[in-house]
Amino acid sequence: MTENRVVTLVGRHPLVWGAAWSAAFAIVLAAAVAADWPGWLDWIVLAALVLPSLVATVVVLSGTPRRHFDEMSSVFSHFFVRYLALVIAVGAWSASVVVGAAISQTIQLAAEGREEEIVGIGFDVMSVIVPLVIAVLWAAFVLRCAWFLAKARGWAEVPERDRIPDGLLSGRPALRRAVVGLAHPALFAVTGLAVAIAVPFAVGDLTVTL
């Protein structure tokens, strides 16, 4: 009974509840950074911040067949997205070649020919670069999912009409309303990008703690 009341309450204004939840944990995260809490606590707060919108997004998108999105895509948008992905891939590959060469030269110069230090310096450099790469990939994933959400359920807090299959949580209309409401493209984009920005700093704090 308690669970049903909570679900019904959230389902009335899911975007408001989702934004309030994320704002509360954003404040906690700011306090954690200011108070220099252990790095692993930062990760817990980050996970909690994005958890409602992430779970709702996974439920909505996993329950929506790909053909629904194909029906909503024009030929131009289909090819434009593919073209844009190709441009980004080529740009990322070109940047990786340049950055890889620069890193190799930097490690050699920093080690000054001392072979035993090259591996250690390499790990130090990778501990900075890998979190940034992960953050960029996560941001791309977030934006892509937000784009699909906008096509599937629109931008309304609780859409009256959407393209999500009727069979998704059909036996629990209050839960469906809450889940679809929390899977708002703007809410997921904001919380997901906030996590992407915070990940490199959280990794740094965790490294210092360890």
N, C-alpha and C. Protein backbone atom coordinates (compact mmCIF):
# COMPACT_ATOMS: atom_id res chain seq x y z
N MET A 1 0.83 -1.20 0.00
CA MET A 1 0.00 0.00 0.00
C MET A 1 0.87 1.26 0.00
N THR A 2 1.94 1.24 0.83
CA THR A 2 2.84 2.40 0.90
C THR A 2 3.52 2.64 -0.43
N GLU A 3 3.95 1.53 -1.06
CA GLU A 3 4.62 1.66 -2.35
C GLU A 3 3.67 2.26 -3.38
N ASN A 4 2.40 1.84 -3.36
CA ASN A 4 1.43 2.36 -4.31
C ASN A 4 1.21 3.85 -4.11
N ARG A 5 1.16 4.29 -2.86
CA ARG A 5 0.99 5.71 -2.58
C ARG A 5 2.17 6.52 -3.07
N VAL A 6 3.36 5.99 -2.86
CA VAL A 6 4.56 6.69 -3.32
C VAL A 6 4.57 6.78 -4.84
N VAL A 7 4.27 5.68 -5.50
CA VAL A 7 4.25 5.67 -6.96
C VAL A 7 3.21 6.64 -7.50
N THR A 8 2.04 6.64 -6.89
CA THR A 8 0.98 7.56 -7.32
C THR A 8 1.38 9.01 -7.11
N LEU A 9 2.02 9.27 -5.98
CA LEU A 9 2.45 10.64 -5.67
C LEU A 9 3.51 11.11 -6.67
N VAL A 10 4.48 10.26 -6.95
CA VAL A 10 5.51 10.62 -7.93
C VAL A 10 4.91 10.76 -9.32
N GLY A 11 3.94 9.90 -9.64
CA GLY A 11 3.34 9.93 -10.97
C GLY A 11 2.54 11.19 -11.26
N ARG A 12 2.13 11.91 -10.22
CA ARG A 12 1.39 13.15 -10.45
C ARG A 12 2.28 14.23 -11.04
N HIS A 13 3.48 14.35 -10.55
CA HIS A 13 4.45 15.34 -11.05
C HIS A 13 5.84 14.71 -11.09
N PRO A 14 6.06 13.74 -11.98
CA PRO A 14 7.33 13.01 -11.99
C PRO A 14 8.54 13.87 -12.30
N LEU A 15 8.38 14.85 -13.19
CA LEU A 15 9.52 15.70 -13.52
C LEU A 15 9.93 16.56 -12.33
N VAL A 16 8.96 17.05 -11.58
CA VAL A 16 9.26 17.85 -10.40
C VAL A 16 9.99 17.01 -9.36
N TRP A 17 9.48 15.80 -9.12
CA TRP A 17 10.12 14.92 -8.15
C TRP A 17 11.52 14.52 -8.61
N GLY A 18 11.65 14.22 -9.89
CA GLY A 18 12.97 13.84 -10.40
C GLY A 18 13.97 14.98 -10.30
N ALA A 19 13.53 16.19 -10.64
CA ALA A 19 14.42 17.34 -10.55
C ALA A 19 14.78 17.63 -9.10
N ALA A 20 13.81 17.50 -8.19
CA ALA A 20 14.08 17.75 -6.77
C ALA A 20 15.07 16.72 -6.23
N TRP A 21 14.89 15.46 -6.60
CA TRP A 21 15.82 14.40 -6.18
C TRP A 21 17.24 14.71 -6.66
N SER A 22 17.38 15.04 -7.93
CA SER A 22 18.71 15.31 -8.49
C SER A 22 19.33 16.55 -7.87
N ALA A 23 18.52 17.59 -7.64
CA ALA A 23 19.04 18.81 -7.01
C ALA A 23 19.51 18.53 -5.60
N ALA A 24 18.78 17.70 -4.86
CA ALA A 24 19.17 17.37 -3.49
C ALA A 24 20.52 16.66 -3.46
N PHE A 25 20.71 15.70 -4.36
CA PHE A 25 21.98 14.98 -4.37
C PHE A 25 23.10 15.83 -4.98
N ALA A 26 22.76 16.80 -5.83
CA ALA A 26 23.77 17.72 -6.32
C ALA A 26 24.30 18.58 -5.16
N ILE A 27 23.41 18.97 -4.27
CA ILE A 27 23.83 19.73 -3.08
C ILE A 27 24.71 18.87 -2.18
N VAL A 28 24.31 17.59 -2.02
CA VAL A 28 25.12 16.67 -1.23
C VAL A 28 26.50 16.49 -1.85
N LEU A 29 26.55 16.40 -3.18
CA LEU A 29 27.83 16.24 -3.88
C LEU A 29 28.71 17.47 -3.66
N ALA A 30 28.11 18.66 -3.75
CA ALA A 30 28.87 19.89 -3.51
C ALA A 30 29.42 19.91 -2.08
N ALA A 31 28.60 19.46 -1.13
CA ALA A 31 29.05 19.40 0.26
C ALA A 31 30.17 18.38 0.42
N ALA A 32 30.07 17.27 -0.30
CA ALA A 32 31.11 16.24 -0.23
C ALA A 32 32.44 16.75 -0.75
N VAL A 33 32.37 17.50 -1.85
CA VAL A 33 33.60 18.07 -2.42
C VAL A 33 34.19 19.12 -1.49
N ALA A 34 33.33 19.98 -0.93
CA ALA A 34 33.80 21.04 -0.04
C ALA A 34 34.38 20.47 1.25
N ALA A 35 33.77 19.40 1.74
CA ALA A 35 34.23 18.81 3.00
C ALA A 35 35.32 17.75 2.79
N ASP A 36 35.68 17.52 1.52
CA ASP A 36 36.73 16.55 1.19
C ASP A 36 36.39 15.17 1.73
N TRP A 37 35.17 14.72 1.43
CA TRP A 37 34.78 13.37 1.82
C TRP A 37 35.59 12.34 1.04
N PRO A 38 35.62 11.09 1.52
CA PRO A 38 36.34 10.03 0.77
C PRO A 38 35.81 9.91 -0.65
N GLY A 39 36.70 9.56 -1.57
CA GLY A 39 36.34 9.50 -2.98
C GLY A 39 35.22 8.53 -3.29
N TRP A 40 35.15 7.41 -2.57
CA TRP A 40 34.11 6.42 -2.87
C TRP A 40 32.72 6.96 -2.55
N LEU A 41 32.62 7.90 -1.59
CA LEU A 41 31.33 8.50 -1.30
C LEU A 41 30.85 9.37 -2.46
N ASP A 42 31.79 10.00 -3.15
CA ASP A 42 31.42 10.79 -4.33
C ASP A 42 30.73 9.93 -5.38
N TRP A 43 31.25 8.71 -5.57
CA TRP A 43 30.66 7.82 -6.55
C TRP A 43 29.25 7.40 -6.15
N ILE A 44 29.03 7.16 -4.87
CA ILE A 44 27.70 6.80 -4.40
C ILE A 44 26.71 7.93 -4.65
N VAL A 45 27.14 9.16 -4.34
CA VAL A 45 26.27 10.32 -4.54
C VAL A 45 25.99 10.52 -6.03
N LEU A 46 27.00 10.36 -6.88
CA LEU A 46 26.80 10.50 -8.33
C LEU A 46 25.81 9.46 -8.85
N ALA A 47 25.95 8.22 -8.38
CA ALA A 47 25.03 7.17 -8.80
C ALA A 47 23.60 7.49 -8.36
N ALA A 48 23.46 7.97 -7.13
CA ALA A 48 22.12 8.30 -6.62
C ALA A 48 21.52 9.46 -7.40
N LEU A 49 22.35 10.42 -7.80
CA LEU A 49 21.87 11.60 -8.52
C LEU A 49 21.19 11.23 -9.83
N VAL A 50 21.79 10.32 -10.57
CA VAL A 50 21.28 9.99 -11.91
C VAL A 50 20.39 8.75 -11.89
N LEU A 51 20.30 8.04 -10.76
CA LEU A 51 19.63 6.74 -10.73
C LEU A 51 18.17 6.76 -11.18
N PRO A 52 17.29 7.64 -10.67
CA PRO A 52 15.87 7.57 -11.09
C PRO A 52 15.68 7.75 -12.59
N SER A 53 16.29 8.78 -13.15
CA SER A 53 16.13 9.03 -14.59
C SER A 53 16.81 7.95 -15.41
N LEU A 54 17.93 7.41 -14.93
CA LEU A 54 18.62 6.36 -15.67
C LEU A 54 17.80 5.08 -15.71
N VAL A 55 17.28 4.66 -14.56
CA VAL A 55 16.46 3.45 -14.52
C VAL A 55 15.21 3.61 -15.38
N ALA A 56 14.56 4.76 -15.26
CA ALA A 56 13.35 5.00 -16.06
C ALA A 56 13.68 5.01 -17.55
N THR A 57 14.80 5.60 -17.92
CA THR A 57 15.21 5.63 -19.33
C THR A 57 15.48 4.23 -19.86
N VAL A 58 16.17 3.42 -19.06
CA VAL A 58 16.46 2.04 -19.48
C VAL A 58 15.16 1.26 -19.66
N VAL A 59 14.22 1.43 -18.73
CA VAL A 59 12.94 0.71 -18.83
C VAL A 59 12.18 1.13 -20.08
N VAL A 60 12.11 2.44 -20.34
CA VAL A 60 11.34 2.94 -21.48
C VAL A 60 11.98 2.54 -22.81
N LEU A 61 13.29 2.75 -22.93
CA LEU A 61 13.95 2.47 -24.20
C LEU A 61 14.09 0.97 -24.46
N SER A 62 14.29 0.18 -23.41
CA SER A 62 14.40 -1.26 -23.61
C SER A 62 13.04 -1.87 -23.97
N GLY A 63 11.97 -1.21 -23.57
CA GLY A 63 10.64 -1.72 -23.90
C GLY A 63 10.06 -1.15 -25.17
N THR A 64 10.82 -0.30 -25.86
CA THR A 64 10.35 0.31 -27.11
C THR A 64 11.12 -0.27 -28.29
N PRO A 65 10.48 -0.99 -29.18
CA PRO A 65 11.19 -1.61 -30.32
C PRO A 65 11.84 -0.56 -31.21
N ARG A 66 12.89 -0.96 -31.89
CA ARG A 66 13.60 -0.06 -32.77
C ARG A 66 12.72 0.43 -33.92
N ARG A 67 11.78 -0.40 -34.34
CA ARG A 67 10.93 0.01 -35.47
C ARG A 67 10.10 1.25 -35.15
N HIS A 68 9.82 1.48 -33.84
CA HIS A 68 9.09 2.68 -33.46
C HIS A 68 9.90 3.93 -33.82
N PHE A 69 11.21 3.86 -33.61
CA PHE A 69 12.05 5.01 -33.93
C PHE A 69 12.27 5.15 -35.43
N ASP A 70 12.34 4.01 -36.12
CA ASP A 70 12.48 4.06 -37.57
C ASP A 70 11.27 4.72 -38.22
N GLU A 71 10.08 4.46 -37.67
CA GLU A 71 8.87 5.06 -38.21
C GLU A 71 8.84 6.57 -38.01
N MET A 72 9.54 7.04 -36.96
CA MET A 72 9.51 8.47 -36.67
C MET A 72 10.68 9.22 -37.30
N SER A 73 11.55 8.53 -38.01
CA SER A 73 12.73 9.16 -38.60
C SER A 73 12.51 9.42 -40.08
N SER A 74 12.93 10.58 -40.52
CA SER A 74 12.90 10.88 -41.95
C SER A 74 14.20 10.37 -42.58
N VAL A 75 14.21 10.30 -43.90
CA VAL A 75 15.42 9.86 -44.59
C VAL A 75 16.57 10.82 -44.30
N PHE A 76 16.27 12.12 -44.29
CA PHE A 76 17.32 13.11 -44.02
C PHE A 76 17.91 12.93 -42.63
N SER A 77 17.05 12.81 -41.59
CA SER A 77 17.56 12.68 -40.23
C SER A 77 18.37 11.39 -40.08
N HIS A 78 17.94 10.32 -40.76
CA HIS A 78 18.66 9.05 -40.67
C HIS A 78 20.09 9.20 -41.20
N PHE A 79 20.21 9.76 -42.40
CA PHE A 79 21.54 9.90 -42.99
C PHE A 79 22.36 10.99 -42.29
N PHE A 80 21.69 12.04 -41.80
CA PHE A 80 22.43 13.09 -41.12
C PHE A 80 23.07 12.57 -39.84
N VAL A 81 22.32 11.77 -39.08
CA VAL A 81 22.87 11.21 -37.84
C VAL A 81 24.03 10.28 -38.14
N ARG A 82 23.89 9.46 -39.16
CA ARG A 82 24.99 8.57 -39.55
C ARG A 82 26.21 9.36 -40.01
N TYR A 83 25.98 10.41 -40.79
CA TYR A 83 27.08 11.24 -41.27
C TYR A 83 27.78 11.93 -40.10
N LEU A 84 26.99 12.46 -39.16
CA LEU A 84 27.56 13.13 -38.01
C LEU A 84 28.39 12.16 -37.17
N ALA A 85 27.89 10.93 -37.00
CA ALA A 85 28.64 9.92 -36.25
C ALA A 85 29.96 9.59 -36.95
N LEU A 86 29.94 9.54 -38.29
CA LEU A 86 31.16 9.25 -39.04
C LEU A 86 32.17 10.38 -38.89
N VAL A 87 31.71 11.63 -38.96
CA VAL A 87 32.60 12.78 -38.78
C VAL A 87 33.23 12.76 -37.40
N ILE A 88 32.43 12.49 -36.38
CA ILE A 88 32.95 12.44 -35.01
C ILE A 88 33.97 11.31 -34.86
N ALA A 89 33.68 10.15 -35.47
CA ALA A 89 34.60 9.02 -35.38
C ALA A 89 35.94 9.33 -36.04
N VAL A 90 35.89 9.95 -37.23
CA VAL A 90 37.14 10.31 -37.91
C VAL A 90 37.91 11.36 -37.10
N GLY A 91 37.18 12.34 -36.55
CA GLY A 91 37.83 13.35 -35.73
C GLY A 91 38.47 12.75 -34.48
N ALA A 92 37.75 11.80 -33.84
CA ALA A 92 38.30 11.16 -32.65
C ALA A 92 39.53 10.32 -33.00
N TRP A 93 39.49 9.62 -34.14
CA TRP A 93 40.64 8.83 -34.56
C TRP A 93 41.85 9.73 -34.84
N SER A 94 41.63 10.83 -35.55
CA SER A 94 42.72 11.76 -35.85
C SER A 94 43.31 12.33 -34.56
N ALA A 95 42.44 12.71 -33.63
CA ALA A 95 42.92 13.26 -32.36
C ALA A 95 43.71 12.22 -31.57
N SER A 96 43.25 10.95 -31.64
CA SER A 96 43.95 9.90 -30.89
C SER A 96 45.36 9.68 -31.42
N VAL A 97 45.53 9.80 -32.74
CA VAL A 97 46.87 9.65 -33.32
C VAL A 97 47.79 10.76 -32.83
N VAL A 98 47.30 12.00 -32.86
CA VAL A 98 48.11 13.14 -32.42
C VAL A 98 48.41 13.04 -30.93
N VAL A 99 47.37 12.77 -30.14
CA VAL A 99 47.55 12.70 -28.69
C VAL A 99 48.46 11.53 -28.32
N GLY A 100 48.30 10.39 -29.01
CA GLY A 100 49.16 9.24 -28.73
C GLY A 100 50.62 9.55 -28.97
N ALA A 101 50.91 10.22 -30.08
CA ALA A 101 52.30 10.60 -30.37
C ALA A 101 52.83 11.58 -29.34
N ALA A 102 51.99 12.54 -28.95
CA ALA A 102 52.42 13.53 -27.95
C ALA A 102 52.68 12.88 -26.60
N ILE A 103 51.81 11.93 -26.22
CA ILE A 103 51.99 11.24 -24.93
C ILE A 103 53.27 10.42 -24.94
N SER A 104 53.51 9.71 -26.04
CA SER A 104 54.74 8.91 -26.14
C SER A 104 55.98 9.78 -26.00
N GLN A 105 55.98 10.93 -26.70
CA GLN A 105 57.13 11.82 -26.63
C GLN A 105 57.28 12.41 -25.23
N THR A 106 56.14 12.76 -24.60
CA THR A 106 56.18 13.34 -23.25
C THR A 106 56.73 12.36 -22.24
N ILE A 107 56.32 11.11 -22.35
CA ILE A 107 56.81 10.08 -21.42
C ILE A 107 58.30 9.88 -21.58
N GLN A 108 58.76 9.84 -22.83
CA GLN A 108 60.19 9.66 -23.09
C GLN A 108 61.01 10.81 -22.52
N LEU A 109 60.49 12.04 -22.71
CA LEU A 109 61.22 13.20 -22.21
C LEU A 109 61.19 13.26 -20.69
N ALA A 110 60.03 12.92 -20.11
CA ALA A 110 59.91 12.98 -18.66
C ALA A 110 60.80 11.95 -17.99
N ALA A 111 60.90 10.77 -18.60
CA ALA A 111 61.71 9.71 -18.02
C ALA A 111 63.20 9.94 -18.24
N GLU A 112 63.54 10.77 -19.22
CA GLU A 112 64.94 11.10 -19.53
C GLU A 112 65.78 9.84 -19.74
N GLY A 113 65.18 8.89 -20.46
CA GLY A 113 65.93 7.69 -20.78
C GLY A 113 65.92 6.64 -19.70
N ARG A 114 65.29 6.90 -18.56
CA ARG A 114 65.27 5.92 -17.47
C ARG A 114 64.09 4.98 -17.72
N GLU A 115 64.40 3.81 -18.25
CA GLU A 115 63.37 2.89 -18.68
C GLU A 115 62.45 2.47 -17.54
N GLU A 116 62.99 2.37 -16.32
CA GLU A 116 62.17 1.89 -15.21
C GLU A 116 61.07 2.88 -14.83
N GLU A 117 61.20 4.15 -15.26
CA GLU A 117 60.20 5.15 -14.91
C GLU A 117 59.14 5.35 -15.99
N ILE A 118 59.39 4.80 -17.16
CA ILE A 118 58.48 5.03 -18.27
C ILE A 118 57.09 4.45 -17.98
N VAL A 119 57.06 3.22 -17.46
CA VAL A 119 55.78 2.57 -17.18
C VAL A 119 55.00 3.35 -16.13
N GLY A 120 55.70 3.79 -15.08
CA GLY A 120 55.03 4.55 -14.02
C GLY A 120 54.45 5.85 -14.53
N ILE A 121 55.20 6.56 -15.35
CA ILE A 121 54.70 7.80 -15.93
C ILE A 121 53.53 7.53 -16.87
N GLY A 122 53.62 6.42 -17.62
CA GLY A 122 52.53 6.06 -18.52
C GLY A 122 51.23 5.82 -17.77
N PHE A 123 51.32 5.12 -16.64
CA PHE A 123 50.12 4.90 -15.83
C PHE A 123 49.57 6.20 -15.27
N ASP A 124 50.45 7.10 -14.88
CA ASP A 124 49.99 8.40 -14.36
C ASP A 124 49.24 9.18 -15.44
N VAL A 125 49.78 9.15 -16.66
CA VAL A 125 49.13 9.86 -17.75
C VAL A 125 47.78 9.23 -18.08
N MET A 126 47.75 7.89 -18.10
CA MET A 126 46.50 7.20 -18.42
C MET A 126 45.44 7.41 -17.35
N SER A 127 45.86 7.58 -16.09
CA SER A 127 44.90 7.82 -15.02
C SER A 127 44.18 9.15 -15.20
N VAL A 128 44.77 10.04 -15.99
CA VAL A 128 44.13 11.32 -16.30
C VAL A 128 43.29 11.21 -17.57
N ILE A 129 43.83 10.53 -18.58
CA ILE A 129 43.17 10.48 -19.88
C ILE A 129 41.97 9.55 -19.89
N VAL A 130 42.11 8.35 -19.31
CA VAL A 130 41.03 7.36 -19.37
C VAL A 130 39.73 7.89 -18.76
N PRO A 131 39.74 8.53 -17.58
CA PRO A 131 38.48 9.08 -17.06
C PRO A 131 37.85 10.11 -17.99
N LEU A 132 38.68 10.91 -18.66
CA LEU A 132 38.14 11.89 -19.60
C LEU A 132 37.47 11.21 -20.78
N VAL A 133 38.09 10.14 -21.28
CA VAL A 133 37.50 9.38 -22.40
C VAL A 133 36.17 8.75 -21.97
N ILE A 134 36.17 8.16 -20.77
CA ILE A 134 34.94 7.55 -20.26
C ILE A 134 33.84 8.60 -20.12
N ALA A 135 34.22 9.78 -19.63
CA ALA A 135 33.23 10.85 -19.45
C ALA A 135 32.66 11.30 -20.80
N VAL A 136 33.51 11.40 -21.82
CA VAL A 136 33.04 11.80 -23.16
C VAL A 136 32.10 10.74 -23.74
N LEU A 137 32.49 9.47 -23.61
CA LEU A 137 31.64 8.40 -24.12
C LEU A 137 30.30 8.35 -23.38
N TRP A 138 30.34 8.55 -22.08
CA TRP A 138 29.09 8.58 -21.30
C TRP A 138 28.21 9.75 -21.74
N ALA A 139 28.82 10.91 -21.97
CA ALA A 139 28.05 12.08 -22.42
C ALA A 139 27.40 11.80 -23.77
N ALA A 140 28.13 11.15 -24.68
CA ALA A 140 27.56 10.81 -25.98
C ALA A 140 26.39 9.84 -25.82
N PHE A 141 26.55 8.86 -24.93
CA PHE A 141 25.47 7.91 -24.65
C PHE A 141 24.24 8.63 -24.10
N VAL A 142 24.45 9.56 -23.19
CA VAL A 142 23.34 10.30 -22.57
C VAL A 142 22.59 11.11 -23.63
N LEU A 143 23.31 11.82 -24.46
CA LEU A 143 22.67 12.64 -25.48
C LEU A 143 21.91 11.79 -26.49
N ARG A 144 22.48 10.66 -26.83
CA ARG A 144 21.81 9.77 -27.78
C ARG A 144 20.51 9.24 -27.18
N CYS A 145 20.56 8.80 -25.92
CA CYS A 145 19.35 8.30 -25.27
C CYS A 145 18.31 9.41 -25.11
N ALA A 146 18.76 10.62 -24.77
CA ALA A 146 17.83 11.74 -24.63
C ALA A 146 17.14 12.04 -25.96
N TRP A 147 17.87 11.91 -27.04
CA TRP A 147 17.29 12.13 -28.37
C TRP A 147 16.20 11.10 -28.65
N PHE A 148 16.48 9.82 -28.33
CA PHE A 148 15.47 8.78 -28.52
C PHE A 148 14.27 9.00 -27.61
N LEU A 149 14.52 9.43 -26.38
CA LEU A 149 13.41 9.70 -25.46
C LEU A 149 12.50 10.80 -26.01
N ALA A 150 13.11 11.85 -26.54
CA ALA A 150 12.32 12.95 -27.10
C ALA A 150 11.45 12.47 -28.25
N LYS A 151 11.95 11.54 -29.04
CA LYS A 151 11.18 11.01 -30.15
C LYS A 151 10.09 10.06 -29.67
N ALA A 152 10.36 9.32 -28.60
CA ALA A 152 9.42 8.31 -28.14
C ALA A 152 8.30 8.88 -27.28
N ARG A 153 8.63 9.85 -26.40
CA ARG A 153 7.60 10.32 -25.46
C ARG A 153 7.43 11.83 -25.44
N GLY A 154 8.21 12.55 -26.24
CA GLY A 154 8.06 14.00 -26.32
C GLY A 154 8.66 14.71 -25.12
N TRP A 155 8.31 16.00 -24.96
CA TRP A 155 8.90 16.84 -23.93
C TRP A 155 7.94 17.17 -22.80
N ALA A 156 6.71 16.70 -22.88
CA ALA A 156 5.74 16.96 -21.81
C ALA A 156 6.13 16.22 -20.55
N GLU A 157 5.75 16.78 -19.40
CA GLU A 157 6.06 16.10 -18.14
C GLU A 157 5.40 14.73 -18.09
N VAL A 158 4.12 14.69 -18.38
CA VAL A 158 3.38 13.43 -18.49
C VAL A 158 2.66 13.46 -19.83
N PRO A 159 3.25 12.88 -20.86
CA PRO A 159 2.65 12.97 -22.20
C PRO A 159 1.30 12.27 -22.29
N GLU A 160 0.35 12.94 -22.90
CA GLU A 160 -0.96 12.33 -23.11
C GLU A 160 -0.93 11.30 -24.23
N ARG A 161 -0.05 11.55 -25.20
CA ARG A 161 0.14 10.61 -26.29
C ARG A 161 1.63 10.39 -26.48
N ASP A 162 2.02 9.14 -26.65
CA ASP A 162 3.43 8.84 -26.88
C ASP A 162 3.53 7.64 -27.81
N ARG A 163 4.76 7.30 -28.16
CA ARG A 163 4.99 6.16 -29.06
C ARG A 163 5.54 4.96 -28.30
N ILE A 164 5.42 4.97 -26.99
CA ILE A 164 5.88 3.85 -26.17
C ILE A 164 4.83 2.75 -26.26
N PRO A 165 5.24 1.50 -26.43
CA PRO A 165 4.25 0.41 -26.55
C PRO A 165 3.28 0.37 -25.37
N ASP A 166 2.03 0.10 -25.66
CA ASP A 166 1.01 0.05 -24.62
C ASP A 166 1.25 -1.08 -23.63
N GLY A 167 1.97 -2.09 -24.06
CA GLY A 167 2.21 -3.23 -23.18
C GLY A 167 3.21 -2.97 -22.07
N LEU A 168 3.95 -1.86 -22.14
CA LEU A 168 4.94 -1.55 -21.11
C LEU A 168 4.24 -1.17 -19.81
N LEU A 169 4.38 -2.01 -18.79
CA LEU A 169 3.77 -1.78 -17.47
C LEU A 169 2.27 -1.55 -17.59
N SER A 170 1.64 -2.27 -18.51
CA SER A 170 0.21 -2.06 -18.76
C SER A 170 -0.64 -2.40 -17.54
N GLY A 171 -0.18 -3.33 -16.71
CA GLY A 171 -0.95 -3.71 -15.55
C GLY A 171 -0.80 -2.78 -14.37
N ARG A 172 0.11 -1.81 -14.48
CA ARG A 172 0.34 -0.87 -13.38
C ARG A 172 0.38 0.55 -13.96
N PRO A 173 -0.75 1.14 -14.22
CA PRO A 173 -0.79 2.45 -14.88
C PRO A 173 -0.11 3.55 -14.08
N ALA A 174 -0.21 3.52 -12.75
CA ALA A 174 0.45 4.55 -11.94
C ALA A 174 1.96 4.45 -12.06
N LEU A 175 2.47 3.23 -12.05
CA LEU A 175 3.91 3.03 -12.20
C LEU A 175 4.37 3.43 -13.60
N ARG A 176 3.57 3.10 -14.61
CA ARG A 176 3.91 3.50 -15.98
C ARG A 176 3.99 5.01 -16.10
N ARG A 177 3.03 5.70 -15.49
CA ARG A 177 3.01 7.16 -15.54
C ARG A 177 4.26 7.73 -14.87
N ALA A 178 4.65 7.16 -13.73
CA ALA A 178 5.84 7.64 -13.02
C ALA A 178 7.11 7.37 -13.82
N VAL A 179 7.21 6.17 -14.38
CA VAL A 179 8.42 5.79 -15.13
C VAL A 179 8.57 6.63 -16.39
N VAL A 180 7.48 6.77 -17.15
CA VAL A 180 7.53 7.59 -18.36
C VAL A 180 7.83 9.04 -18.02
N GLY A 181 7.29 9.52 -16.91
CA GLY A 181 7.55 10.89 -16.49
C GLY A 181 9.00 11.11 -16.08
N LEU A 182 9.57 10.14 -15.36
CA LEU A 182 10.97 10.26 -14.94
C LEU A 182 11.93 10.10 -16.12
N ALA A 183 11.50 9.39 -17.16
CA ALA A 183 12.32 9.23 -18.36
C ALA A 183 12.17 10.44 -19.26
N HIS A 184 12.28 11.62 -18.69
CA HIS A 184 12.16 12.86 -19.46
C HIS A 184 13.51 13.17 -20.11
N PRO A 185 13.53 13.51 -21.39
CA PRO A 185 14.81 13.74 -22.06
C PRO A 185 15.64 14.85 -21.43
N ALA A 186 15.01 15.92 -20.98
CA ALA A 186 15.77 17.01 -20.36
C ALA A 186 16.35 16.60 -19.02
N LEU A 187 15.56 15.88 -18.21
CA LEU A 187 16.04 15.43 -16.90
C LEU A 187 17.20 14.47 -17.05
N PHE A 188 17.07 13.53 -17.98
CA PHE A 188 18.15 12.56 -18.17
C PHE A 188 19.39 13.23 -18.75
N ALA A 189 19.20 14.18 -19.66
CA ALA A 189 20.35 14.87 -20.26
C ALA A 189 21.09 15.69 -19.20
N VAL A 190 20.36 16.41 -18.37
CA VAL A 190 21.01 17.27 -17.38
C VAL A 190 21.74 16.44 -16.33
N THR A 191 21.07 15.43 -15.78
CA THR A 191 21.70 14.61 -14.75
C THR A 191 22.86 13.79 -15.33
N GLY A 192 22.66 13.26 -16.54
CA GLY A 192 23.72 12.47 -17.15
C GLY A 192 24.95 13.29 -17.49
N LEU A 193 24.76 14.49 -18.01
CA LEU A 193 25.89 15.35 -18.33
C LEU A 193 26.57 15.86 -17.06
N ALA A 194 25.79 16.05 -15.99
CA ALA A 194 26.39 16.44 -14.71
C ALA A 194 27.33 15.35 -14.21
N VAL A 195 26.91 14.10 -14.37
CA VAL A 195 27.77 12.98 -13.98
C VAL A 195 29.01 12.93 -14.87
N ALA A 196 28.84 13.18 -16.17
CA ALA A 196 30.00 13.17 -17.08
C ALA A 196 31.02 14.22 -16.68
N ILE A 197 30.55 15.38 -16.27
CA ILE A 197 31.47 16.45 -15.85
C ILE A 197 32.17 16.08 -14.55
N ALA A 198 31.43 15.39 -13.66
CA ALA A 198 31.97 15.11 -12.33
C ALA A 198 32.88 13.88 -12.31
N VAL A 199 32.76 12.99 -13.29
CA VAL A 199 33.52 11.74 -13.27
C VAL A 199 35.03 11.95 -13.17
N PRO A 200 35.67 12.81 -13.99
CA PRO A 200 37.12 12.98 -13.86
C PRO A 200 37.54 13.44 -12.47
N PHE A 201 36.75 14.33 -11.86
CA PHE A 201 37.08 14.81 -10.52
C PHE A 201 36.88 13.71 -9.49
N ALA A 202 35.83 12.91 -9.66
CA ALA A 202 35.58 11.81 -8.72
C ALA A 202 36.68 10.77 -8.80
N VAL A 203 37.16 10.50 -10.01
CA VAL A 203 38.26 9.55 -10.18
C VAL A 203 39.52 10.09 -9.50
N GLY A 204 39.76 11.39 -9.65
CA GLY A 204 40.92 11.99 -9.00
C GLY A 204 40.85 11.89 -7.49
N ASP A 205 39.67 12.15 -6.93
CA ASP A 205 39.50 12.05 -5.47
C ASP A 205 39.68 10.63 -5.00
N LEU A 206 39.17 9.65 -5.79
CA LEU A 206 39.31 8.26 -5.41
C LEU A 206 40.76 7.82 -5.46
N THR A 207 41.50 8.31 -6.47
CA THR A 207 42.90 7.97 -6.58
C THR A 207 43.70 8.51 -5.41
N VAL A 208 43.39 9.76 -5.03
CA VAL A 208 44.08 10.36 -3.89
C VAL A 208 43.76 9.61 -2.61
N THR A 209 42.49 9.18 -2.46
CA THR A 209 42.08 8.45 -1.26
C THR A 209 42.81 7.12 -1.15
N LEU A 210 42.89 6.42 -2.29
CA LEU A 210 43.57 5.12 -2.30
C LEU A 210 45.07 5.28 -2.13
